[in-house]
Amino acid sequence: MLYGFSQWLEEGHGFSSFQAGLIMLPMSAAAACCSLAGARTKGLRAPLTVAAGCLAVGSAVFLLLQDSSPLFALLCAGVLFGIPQGLTSTGNQAAVYAQAPADGVGTAAGLQRTAQYLGASPRPVSSGCCTGHTPRTPGCTGSPCPASSSVCCCSP
């Protein structure tokens, strides 16, 4: 989401790289705030459930974005993806620490991080296959970000 959205803001929406960075600041702020909130939550299920809901809603919002979408819609869409970034990072770490035996926490944390990288690695390839060389709108084949192309089945 992070890389595809900024590229679309620049190429598809016409913002400069500086403006695209400013538009993405609320997403980072939401991730930081939700990371703190998630770390202070006792349970695991609530933060991960909220994160999944925000991802679903955020993906739906991204499918509706157009080149003419107002700035407020772009900011809200970014925040909808910042919330799960913060909640899942702390929620998944807490789950690892809760489930791993005390002498295997380091190994479990390393395996978790490796799994995250393995899951994220194919993402740019699938985004490139779905969107082509430049991000464009509307619809799935011209999805403005990786999130929407991940949710629906894309045809080149």
C-alpha atoms as a PDB file:
ATOM      1  CA  MET A   1       0.000   0.000   0.000  1.00  0.00           C
ATOM      2  CA  LEU A   2       2.734   2.403   0.975  1.00  0.00           C
ATOM      3  CA  TYR A   3       4.628   2.326  -2.296  1.00  0.00           C
ATOM      4  CA  GLY A   4       1.776   1.940  -4.745  1.00  0.00           C
ATOM      5  CA  PHE A   5      -0.293   4.705  -3.193  1.00  0.00           C
ATOM      6  CA  SER A   6       2.509   7.256  -3.291  1.00  0.00           C
ATOM      7  CA  GLN A   7       3.263   6.368  -6.902  1.00  0.00           C
ATOM      8  CA  TRP A   8      -0.399   6.755  -7.823  1.00  0.00           C
ATOM      9  CA  LEU A   9      -0.608  10.098  -6.022  1.00  0.00           C
ATOM     10  CA  GLU A  10       2.300  11.336  -8.111  1.00  0.00           C
ATOM     11  CA  GLU A  11       1.552   9.821 -11.496  1.00  0.00           C
ATOM     12  CA  GLY A  12      -2.190   9.323 -11.407  1.00  0.00           C
ATOM     13  CA  HIS A  13      -3.295  12.288  -9.338  1.00  0.00           C
ATOM     14  CA  GLY A  14      -0.598  14.758 -10.366  1.00  0.00           C
ATOM     15  CA  PHE A  15       0.916  15.555  -6.967  1.00  0.00           C
ATOM     16  CA  SER A  16       4.619  16.261  -6.524  1.00  0.00           C
ATOM     17  CA  SER A  17       6.648  13.792  -4.482  1.00  0.00           C
ATOM     18  CA  PHE A  18       6.684  16.304  -1.616  1.00  0.00           C
ATOM     19  CA  GLN A  19       2.892  16.668  -1.731  1.00  0.00           C
ATOM     20  CA  ALA A  20       2.438  12.896  -1.916  1.00  0.00           C
ATOM     21  CA  GLY A  21       4.613  12.542   1.172  1.00  0.00           C
ATOM     22  CA  LEU A  22       2.528  15.097   3.042  1.00  0.00           C
ATOM     23  CA  ILE A  23      -0.675  13.310   2.044  1.00  0.00           C
ATOM     24  CA  MET A  24       0.730  10.079   3.449  1.00  0.00           C
ATOM     25  CA  LEU A  25       1.691  11.602   6.825  1.00  0.00           C
ATOM     26  CA  PRO A  26      -1.723  10.891   8.408  1.00  0.00           C
ATOM     27  CA  MET A  27      -1.252   7.212   7.572  1.00  0.00           C
ATOM     28  CA  SER A  28       2.065   7.168   9.443  1.00  0.00           C
ATOM     29  CA  ALA A  29       0.592   9.123  12.347  1.00  0.00           C
ATOM     30  CA  ALA A  30      -2.329   6.695  12.588  1.00  0.00           C
ATOM     31  CA  ALA A  31       0.106   3.758  12.542  1.00  0.00           C
ATOM     32  CA  ALA A  32       2.175   5.271  15.356  1.00  0.00           C
ATOM     33  CA  CYS A  33      -0.850   6.073  17.526  1.00  0.00           C
ATOM     34  CA  CYS A  34      -2.438   2.669  16.957  1.00  0.00           C
ATOM     35  CA  SER A  35       0.854   0.942  17.693  1.00  0.00           C
ATOM     36  CA  LEU A  36       0.892   2.599  21.099  1.00  0.00           C
ATOM     37  CA  ALA A  37      -2.766   1.771  21.671  1.00  0.00           C
ATOM     38  CA  GLY A  38      -2.248  -1.826  20.548  1.00  0.00           C
ATOM     39  CA  ALA A  39       0.720  -2.257  22.855  1.00  0.00           C
ATOM     40  CA  ARG A  40      -1.381  -1.183  25.827  1.00  0.00           C
ATOM     41  CA  THR A  41      -4.276  -3.495  25.009  1.00  0.00           C
ATOM     42  CA  LYS A  42      -4.437  -6.671  27.076  1.00  0.00           C
ATOM     43  CA  GLY A  43      -6.136  -8.892  24.525  1.00  0.00           C
ATOM     44  CA  LEU A  44      -5.014 -10.017  21.108  1.00  0.00           C
ATOM     45  CA  ARG A  45      -8.287 -10.539  19.314  1.00  0.00           C
ATOM     46  CA  ALA A  46      -9.699  -6.994  19.426  1.00  0.00           C
ATOM     47  CA  PRO A  47      -6.723  -5.177  17.833  1.00  0.00           C
ATOM     48  CA  LEU A  48      -6.354  -7.789  15.107  1.00  0.00           C
ATOM     49  CA  THR A  49     -10.092  -7.765  14.387  1.00  0.00           C
ATOM     50  CA  VAL A  50     -10.161  -3.972  14.136  1.00  0.00           C
ATOM     51  CA  ALA A  51      -7.117  -4.131  11.852  1.00  0.00           C
ATOM     52  CA  ALA A  52      -8.814  -6.640   9.557  1.00  0.00           C
ATOM     53  CA  GLY A  53     -11.949  -4.498   9.417  1.00  0.00           C
ATOM     54  CA  CYS A  54      -9.951  -1.384   8.552  1.00  0.00           C
ATOM     55  CA  LEU A  55      -8.133  -3.263   5.807  1.00  0.00           C
ATOM     56  CA  ALA A  56     -11.433  -4.392   4.295  1.00  0.00           C
ATOM     57  CA  VAL A  57     -12.981  -0.927   4.468  1.00  0.00           C
ATOM     58  CA  GLY A  58      -9.771   0.705   3.238  1.00  0.00           C
ATOM     59  CA  SER A  59      -9.619  -1.642   0.258  1.00  0.00           C
ATOM     60  CA  ALA A  60     -13.209  -0.794  -0.637  1.00  0.00           C
ATOM     61  CA  VAL A  61     -12.419   2.914  -0.385  1.00  0.00           C
ATOM     62  CA  PHE A  62      -9.395   2.499  -2.649  1.00  0.00           C
ATOM     63  CA  LEU A  63     -11.532   0.817  -5.267  1.00  0.00           C
ATOM     64  CA  LEU A  64     -13.695   3.954  -5.319  1.00  0.00           C
ATOM     65  CA  LEU A  65     -10.869   6.495  -5.598  1.00  0.00           C
ATOM     66  CA  GLN A  66     -10.495   8.339  -8.881  1.00  0.00           C
ATOM     67  CA  ASP A  67      -8.114  10.913 -10.313  1.00  0.00           C
ATOM     68  CA  SER A  68     -10.594  13.565  -9.235  1.00  0.00           C
ATOM     69  CA  SER A  69     -11.074  12.305  -5.668  1.00  0.00           C
ATOM     70  CA  PRO A  70     -10.950  15.109  -3.090  1.00  0.00           C
ATOM     71  CA  LEU A  71      -7.953  15.454  -0.805  1.00  0.00           C
ATOM     72  CA  PHE A  72     -10.049  14.541   2.247  1.00  0.00           C
ATOM     73  CA  ALA A  73     -10.900  11.159   0.691  1.00  0.00           C
ATOM     74  CA  LEU A  74      -7.215  10.495   0.000  1.00  0.00           C
ATOM     75  CA  LEU A  75      -6.296  11.352   3.583  1.00  0.00           C
ATOM     76  CA  CYS A  76      -9.044   9.135   5.018  1.00  0.00           C
ATOM     77  CA  ALA A  77      -8.018   6.249   2.775  1.00  0.00           C
ATOM     78  CA  GLY A  78      -4.461   6.536   4.033  1.00  0.00           C
ATOM     79  CA  VAL A  79      -5.576   6.570   7.663  1.00  0.00           C
ATOM     80  CA  LEU A  80      -7.636   3.426   7.068  1.00  0.00           C
ATOM     81  CA  PHE A  81      -4.385   1.657   6.199  1.00  0.00           C
ATOM     82  CA  GLY A  82      -2.333   3.288   8.954  1.00  0.00           C
ATOM     83  CA  ILE A  83      -4.581   1.873  11.669  1.00  0.00           C
ATOM     84  CA  PRO A  84      -3.901  -1.783  10.765  1.00  0.00           C
ATOM     85  CA  GLN A  85      -0.183  -1.109  10.345  1.00  0.00           C
ATOM     86  CA  GLY A  86       0.014  -0.093  13.980  1.00  0.00           C
ATOM     87  CA  LEU A  87      -2.403  -2.664  15.382  1.00  0.00           C
ATOM     88  CA  THR A  88      -1.059  -5.697  13.541  1.00  0.00           C
ATOM     89  CA  SER A  89       2.576  -5.009  14.351  1.00  0.00           C
ATOM     90  CA  THR A  90       1.966  -4.987  18.097  1.00  0.00           C
ATOM     91  CA  GLY A  91      -0.817  -7.586  17.988  1.00  0.00           C
ATOM     92  CA  ASN A  92       1.249 -10.115  16.074  1.00  0.00           C
ATOM     93  CA  GLN A  93       4.270  -9.553  18.300  1.00  0.00           C
ATOM     94  CA  ALA A  94       2.128 -10.042  21.394  1.00  0.00           C
ATOM     95  CA  ALA A  95       0.730 -13.252  19.923  1.00  0.00           C
ATOM     96  CA  VAL A  96       4.233 -14.588  19.303  1.00  0.00           C
ATOM     97  CA  TYR A  97       5.340 -13.762  22.830  1.00  0.00           C
ATOM     98  CA  ALA A  98       2.198 -15.306  24.309  1.00  0.00           C
ATOM     99  CA  GLN A  99       2.459 -18.538  22.328  1.00  0.00           C
ATOM    100  CA  ALA A 100       6.207 -19.195  22.204  1.00  0.00           C
ATOM    101  CA  PRO A 101       7.987 -20.930  25.053  1.00  0.00           C
ATOM    102  CA  ALA A 102      10.295 -18.661  27.040  1.00  0.00           C
ATOM    103  CA  ASP A 103      13.455 -20.220  25.631  1.00  0.00           C
ATOM    104  CA  GLY A 104      12.195 -19.949  22.028  1.00  0.00           C
ATOM    105  CA  VAL A 105      10.864 -16.401  21.883  1.00  0.00           C
ATOM    106  CA  GLY A 106      13.837 -15.137  19.866  1.00  0.00           C
ATOM    107  CA  THR A 107      13.497 -17.895  17.297  1.00  0.00           C
ATOM    108  CA  ALA A 108       9.737 -17.404  17.076  1.00  0.00           C
ATOM    109  CA  ALA A 109      10.145 -13.644  16.585  1.00  0.00           C
ATOM    110  CA  GLY A 110      12.718 -14.268  13.847  1.00  0.00           C
ATOM    111  CA  LEU A 111      10.424 -16.723  12.097  1.00  0.00           C
ATOM    112  CA  GLN A 112       7.564 -14.239  12.328  1.00  0.00           C
ATOM    113  CA  ARG A 113       9.642 -11.531  10.685  1.00  0.00           C
ATOM    114  CA  THR A 114      10.835 -13.932   7.983  1.00  0.00           C
ATOM    115  CA  ALA A 115       7.233 -14.898   7.245  1.00  0.00           C
ATOM    116  CA  GLN A 116       6.319 -11.214   6.945  1.00  0.00           C
ATOM    117  CA  TYR A 117       9.098 -10.653   4.424  1.00  0.00           C
ATOM    118  CA  LEU A 118       8.142 -13.747   2.445  1.00  0.00           C
ATOM    119  CA  GLY A 119       4.554 -12.582   2.365  1.00  0.00           C
ATOM    120  CA  ALA A 120       5.486  -9.062   1.295  1.00  0.00           C
ATOM    121  CA  SER A 121       7.994 -10.026  -1.392  1.00  0.00           C
ATOM    122  CA  PRO A 122       5.497 -11.168  -4.061  1.00  0.00           C
ATOM    123  CA  ARG A 123       3.421  -8.014  -3.565  1.00  0.00           C
ATOM    124  CA  PRO A 124       5.321  -5.737  -5.975  1.00  0.00           C
ATOM    125  CA  VAL A 125       5.209  -8.419  -8.659  1.00  0.00           C
ATOM    126  CA  SER A 126       1.453  -8.873  -8.384  1.00  0.00           C
ATOM    127  CA  SER A 127       0.984  -5.107  -8.329  1.00  0.00           C
ATOM    128  CA  GLY A 128       3.056  -4.727 -11.483  1.00  0.00           C
ATOM    129  CA  CYS A 129       1.114  -7.487 -13.220  1.00  0.00           C
ATOM    130  CA  CYS A 130      -2.193  -5.884 -12.288  1.00  0.00           C
ATOM    131  CA  THR A 131      -1.413  -2.235 -12.898  1.00  0.00           C
ATOM    132  CA  GLY A 132       1.202  -2.303 -15.643  1.00  0.00           C
ATOM    133  CA  HIS A 133       4.041   0.187 -15.775  1.00  0.00           C
ATOM    134  CA  THR A 134       2.166   3.178 -14.372  1.00  0.00           C
ATOM    135  CA  PRO A 135      -0.654   3.310 -11.836  1.00  0.00           C
ATOM    136  CA  ARG A 136      -3.961   4.446 -13.230  1.00  0.00           C
ATOM    137  CA  THR A 137      -7.651   4.481 -12.423  1.00  0.00           C
ATOM    138  CA  PRO A 138     -10.459   3.327 -12.437  1.00  0.00           C
ATOM    139  CA  GLY A 139     -11.179  -0.276 -11.650  1.00  0.00           C
ATOM    140  CA  CYS A 140      -9.130  -3.242 -10.656  1.00  0.00           C
ATOM    141  CA  THR A 141      -6.743  -3.407 -13.602  1.00  0.00           C
ATOM    142  CA  GLY A 142      -5.826   0.199 -12.958  1.00  0.00           C
ATOM    143  CA  SER A 143      -6.045   0.030  -9.202  1.00  0.00           C
ATOM    144  CA  PRO A 144      -4.536   3.021  -7.439  1.00  0.00           C
ATOM    145  CA  CYS A 145      -2.739   0.916  -4.895  1.00  0.00           C
ATOM    146  CA  PRO A 146      -1.662  -2.606  -4.045  1.00  0.00           C
ATOM    147  CA  ALA A 147      -4.413  -2.983  -1.462  1.00  0.00           C
ATOM    148  CA  SER A 148      -7.248  -2.974  -3.953  1.00  0.00           C
ATOM    149  CA  SER A 149      -5.423  -5.220  -6.400  1.00  0.00           C
ATOM    150  CA  SER A 150      -4.832  -7.663  -3.548  1.00  0.00           C
ATOM    151  CA  VAL A 151      -8.499  -7.800  -2.694  1.00  0.00           C
ATOM    152  CA  CYS A 152      -9.937  -8.440  -6.111  1.00  0.00           C
ATOM    153  CA  CYS A 153      -8.975 -10.640  -8.992  1.00  0.00           C
ATOM    154  CA  CYS A 154      -7.099  -8.618 -11.576  1.00  0.00           C
ATOM    155  CA  SER A 155      -6.870  -9.216 -15.279  1.00  0.00           C
ATOM    156  CA  PRO A 156      -4.145  -7.470 -17.282  1.00  0.00           C
END
